[in-house]
C-alpha atoms as a PDB file:
ATOM      1  CA  UNK A   1      14.727  22.355 -25.842  1.00  0.00           C
ATOM      2  CA  UNK A   2      15.619  18.953 -24.417  1.00  0.00           C
ATOM      3  CA  UNK A   3      17.332  18.875 -21.218  1.00  0.00           C
ATOM      4  CA  UNK A   4      17.431  14.976 -20.483  1.00  0.00           C
ATOM      5  CA  UNK A   5      17.747  12.968 -23.957  1.00  0.00           C
ATOM      6  CA  UNK A   6      17.374   9.651 -22.053  1.00  0.00           C
ATOM      7  CA  UNK A   7      14.026  10.495 -20.857  1.00  0.00           C
ATOM      8  CA  UNK A   8      12.725  13.159 -23.005  1.00  0.00           C
ATOM      9  CA  UNK A   9      12.432  15.934 -20.353  1.00  0.00           C
ATOM     10  CA  UNK A  10      12.495  19.580 -21.707  1.00  0.00           C
ATOM     11  CA  UNK A  11      13.598  22.582 -20.083  1.00  0.00           C
ATOM     12  CA  UNK A  12       9.892  23.770 -19.776  1.00  0.00           C
ATOM     13  CA  UNK A  13       9.110  20.613 -17.848  1.00  0.00           C
ATOM     14  CA  UNK A  14      12.133  20.970 -15.500  1.00  0.00           C
ATOM     15  CA  UNK A  15      10.960  24.719 -14.659  1.00  0.00           C
ATOM     16  CA  UNK A  16       7.347  23.376 -14.019  1.00  0.00           C
ATOM     17  CA  UNK A  17       8.644  21.003 -11.584  1.00  0.00           C
ATOM     18  CA  UNK A  18      10.745  23.735  -9.992  1.00  0.00           C
ATOM     19  CA  UNK A  19       7.665  25.814  -9.833  1.00  0.00           C
ATOM     20  CA  UNK A  20       5.965  22.964  -8.062  1.00  0.00           C
ATOM     21  CA  UNK A  21       8.628  22.828  -5.379  1.00  0.00           C
ATOM     22  CA  UNK A  22      11.477  20.706  -6.626  1.00  0.00           C
ATOM     23  CA  UNK A  23      14.437  22.706  -5.637  1.00  0.00           C
ATOM     24  CA  UNK A  24      17.510  20.284  -6.181  1.00  0.00           C
ATOM     25  CA  UNK A  25      18.402  17.968  -9.064  1.00  0.00           C
ATOM     26  CA  UNK A  26      17.449  14.873  -6.784  1.00  0.00           C
ATOM     27  CA  UNK A  27      14.010  16.411  -6.601  1.00  0.00           C
ATOM     28  CA  UNK A  28      13.820  16.932 -10.343  1.00  0.00           C
ATOM     29  CA  UNK A  29      14.858  13.262 -10.691  1.00  0.00           C
ATOM     30  CA  UNK A  30      12.158  12.165  -8.294  1.00  0.00           C
ATOM     31  CA  UNK A  31       9.616  14.072 -10.121  1.00  0.00           C
ATOM     32  CA  UNK A  32      10.384  12.916 -13.947  1.00  0.00           C
ATOM     33  CA  UNK A  33      13.515  10.606 -13.950  1.00  0.00           C
ATOM     34  CA  UNK A  34      15.797  13.602 -15.429  1.00  0.00           C
ATOM     35  CA  UNK A  35      19.476  12.860 -14.468  1.00  0.00           C
ATOM     36  CA  UNK A  36      19.013   9.289 -13.460  1.00  0.00           C
ATOM     37  CA  UNK A  37      20.221   7.453 -16.366  1.00  0.00           C
ATOM     38  CA  UNK A  38      23.601   8.571 -18.024  1.00  0.00           C
ATOM     39  CA  UNK A  39      23.736  11.819 -15.643  1.00  0.00           C
ATOM     40  CA  UNK A  40      24.922  14.187 -18.413  1.00  0.00           C
ATOM     41  CA  UNK A  41      22.000  16.525 -17.881  1.00  0.00           C
ATOM     42  CA  UNK A  42      22.582  17.065 -14.260  1.00  0.00           C
ATOM     43  CA  UNK A  43      24.731  20.153 -14.516  1.00  0.00           C
ATOM     44  CA  UNK A  44      21.980  21.627 -17.061  1.00  0.00           C
ATOM     45  CA  UNK A  45      19.442  21.014 -14.507  1.00  0.00           C
ATOM     46  CA  UNK A  46      21.545  22.674 -11.655  1.00  0.00           C
ATOM     47  CA  UNK A  47      21.830  25.600 -13.985  1.00  0.00           C
ATOM     48  CA  UNK A  48      18.212  25.910 -14.631  1.00  0.00           C
ATOM     49  CA  UNK A  49      17.391  25.695 -11.005  1.00  0.00           C
ATOM     50  CA  UNK A  50      20.070  28.287 -10.193  1.00  0.00           C
ATOM     51  CA  UNK A  51      18.451  30.719 -12.530  1.00  0.00           C
ATOM     52  CA  UNK A  52      14.970  31.356 -10.452  1.00  0.00           C
ATOM     53  CA  UNK A  53      14.292  31.411  -6.907  1.00  0.00           C
ATOM     54  CA  UNK A  54      12.691  28.296  -5.555  1.00  0.00           C
ATOM     55  CA  UNK A  55       9.389  29.221  -4.248  1.00  0.00           C
ATOM     56  CA  UNK A  56       9.655  26.612  -1.379  1.00  0.00           C
ATOM     57  CA  UNK A  57      13.452  26.960  -0.652  1.00  0.00           C
ATOM     58  CA  UNK A  58      12.835  27.868   2.997  1.00  0.00           C
ATOM     59  CA  UNK A  59      11.114  24.721   3.644  1.00  0.00           C
ATOM     60  CA  UNK A  60      13.924  22.929   2.070  1.00  0.00           C
ATOM     61  CA  UNK A  61      16.530  24.812   4.070  1.00  0.00           C
ATOM     62  CA  UNK A  62      14.686  23.798   7.109  1.00  0.00           C
ATOM     63  CA  UNK A  63      14.713  20.177   6.117  1.00  0.00           C
ATOM     64  CA  UNK A  64      11.049  20.213   5.781  1.00  0.00           C
ATOM     65  CA  UNK A  65       9.294  18.300   2.855  1.00  0.00           C
ATOM     66  CA  UNK A  66       8.604  20.600  -0.263  1.00  0.00           C
ATOM     67  CA  UNK A  67       6.825  18.223  -2.696  1.00  0.00           C
ATOM     68  CA  UNK A  68       4.093  17.148  -0.223  1.00  0.00           C
ATOM     69  CA  UNK A  69       0.558  18.113  -1.272  1.00  0.00           C
ATOM     70  CA  UNK A  70      -1.385  20.443   1.044  1.00  0.00           C
ATOM     71  CA  UNK A  71      -3.174  18.101   3.309  1.00  0.00           C
ATOM     72  CA  UNK A  72      -5.016  20.719   5.070  1.00  0.00           C
ATOM     73  CA  UNK A  73      -8.746  19.742   5.486  1.00  0.00           C
ATOM     74  CA  UNK A  74      -8.172  15.869   5.283  1.00  0.00           C
ATOM     75  CA  UNK A  75      -9.032  15.600   9.115  1.00  0.00           C
ATOM     76  CA  UNK A  76     -12.548  17.117   8.343  1.00  0.00           C
ATOM     77  CA  UNK A  77     -13.070  14.465   5.639  1.00  0.00           C
ATOM     78  CA  UNK A  78     -12.303  11.529   7.671  1.00  0.00           C
END
């Protein structure tokens, strides 16, 4: 089912972005543009995010980045 008609974003895609760490509608928008055009899907996105626990909610609550890739080991490669 489509959540965002403007950009063709499905509920499954929103859930995948949430599993990847997007905990807010703004973070979903950054990941896939959903909610950035007409805005009619923002409430639907909020409902989807509200159904499941965000795996990185603790980081978000602490103001730490939640979408950053794991950069451990980069110093060794440099």
